[in-house]
Protein backbone atom coordinates (compact mmCIF):
# COMPACT_ATOMS: atom_id res chain seq x y z
CA ALA A 1 87.68 59.74 87.16
CA ARG A 2 86.97 62.62 89.54
CA ILE A 3 83.92 63.82 87.64
CA LYS A 4 82.54 60.29 87.49
CA ASP A 5 83.12 59.88 91.25
CA ILE A 6 81.34 63.16 91.96
CA TRP A 7 78.33 62.10 89.89
CA ILE A 8 78.21 58.69 91.60
CA MET A 9 78.30 60.40 95.00
CA GLN A 10 75.33 62.59 94.04
CA SER A 11 72.92 59.67 94.33
CA LYS A 12 74.47 58.67 97.66
CA LEU A 13 74.12 62.20 98.98
CA GLU A 14 70.52 62.41 97.78
CA LYS A 15 69.57 59.26 99.73
CA MET A 16 70.71 60.82 103.05
CA HIS A 17 71.11 57.36 104.61
CA PRO A 18 71.89 57.92 108.34
CA LYS A 19 74.28 54.96 108.58
CA LYS A 20 76.35 56.24 105.64
CA VAL A 21 76.73 59.87 106.74
CA ASP A 22 80.09 59.41 108.48
CA ASP A 23 81.51 57.33 105.64
CA LEU A 24 80.53 59.94 103.08
CA LEU A 25 81.88 62.80 105.19
CA GLN A 26 85.24 61.00 105.36
CA ASN A 27 85.38 60.42 101.61
CA PRO A 28 88.17 62.51 100.04
CA ARG A 29 85.80 63.55 97.25
CA PHE A 30 82.99 64.58 99.61
CA ARG A 31 83.68 68.31 99.46
CA MET A 32 83.64 68.37 95.66
CA ALA A 33 80.45 66.33 95.56
CA TYR A 34 78.85 68.52 98.24
CA ASP A 35 79.77 71.72 96.38
CA PHE A 36 78.32 70.28 93.19
CA LEU A 37 75.13 69.31 95.05
CA LEU A 38 74.83 72.92 96.29
CA LEU A 39 75.24 74.23 92.75
CA ARG A 40 72.59 71.85 91.49
CA SER A 41 70.17 72.81 94.29
CA GLN A 42 70.63 76.52 93.59
CA SER A 43 70.28 76.29 89.83
CA ILE A 44 68.77 73.39 87.93
CA ASN A 45 67.35 71.23 90.75
CA PRO A 46 65.70 73.41 93.43
CA GLU A 47 64.02 70.29 94.82
CA LEU A 48 67.44 69.32 96.21
CA GLU A 49 67.39 72.22 98.68
CA ASP A 50 66.44 69.97 101.63
CA VAL A 51 69.22 67.54 100.72
CA ALA A 52 71.73 70.39 100.59
CA LYS A 53 70.56 71.64 104.00
CA PHE A 54 70.90 68.12 105.44
CA TRP A 55 74.54 67.86 104.33
CA THR A 56 75.32 71.38 105.45
CA LYS A 57 74.10 70.50 108.96
CA ALA A 58 75.88 67.12 108.90
CA GLN A 59 79.22 68.92 108.57
CA GLN A 60 78.71 71.09 111.65
């Protein structure tokens, strides 16, 4: 179920919806989904670099 949850969160992270940021940051699976997003942006999906930067800043 964890892997499925992480994949489902990918689309939510990619949308970068301002009203959902806090909810996603509080999600217990956020860190795993964020780490996976970073891996994707650095390897197979370089177009996700801006999304990864957004979520990196959102955590600060």
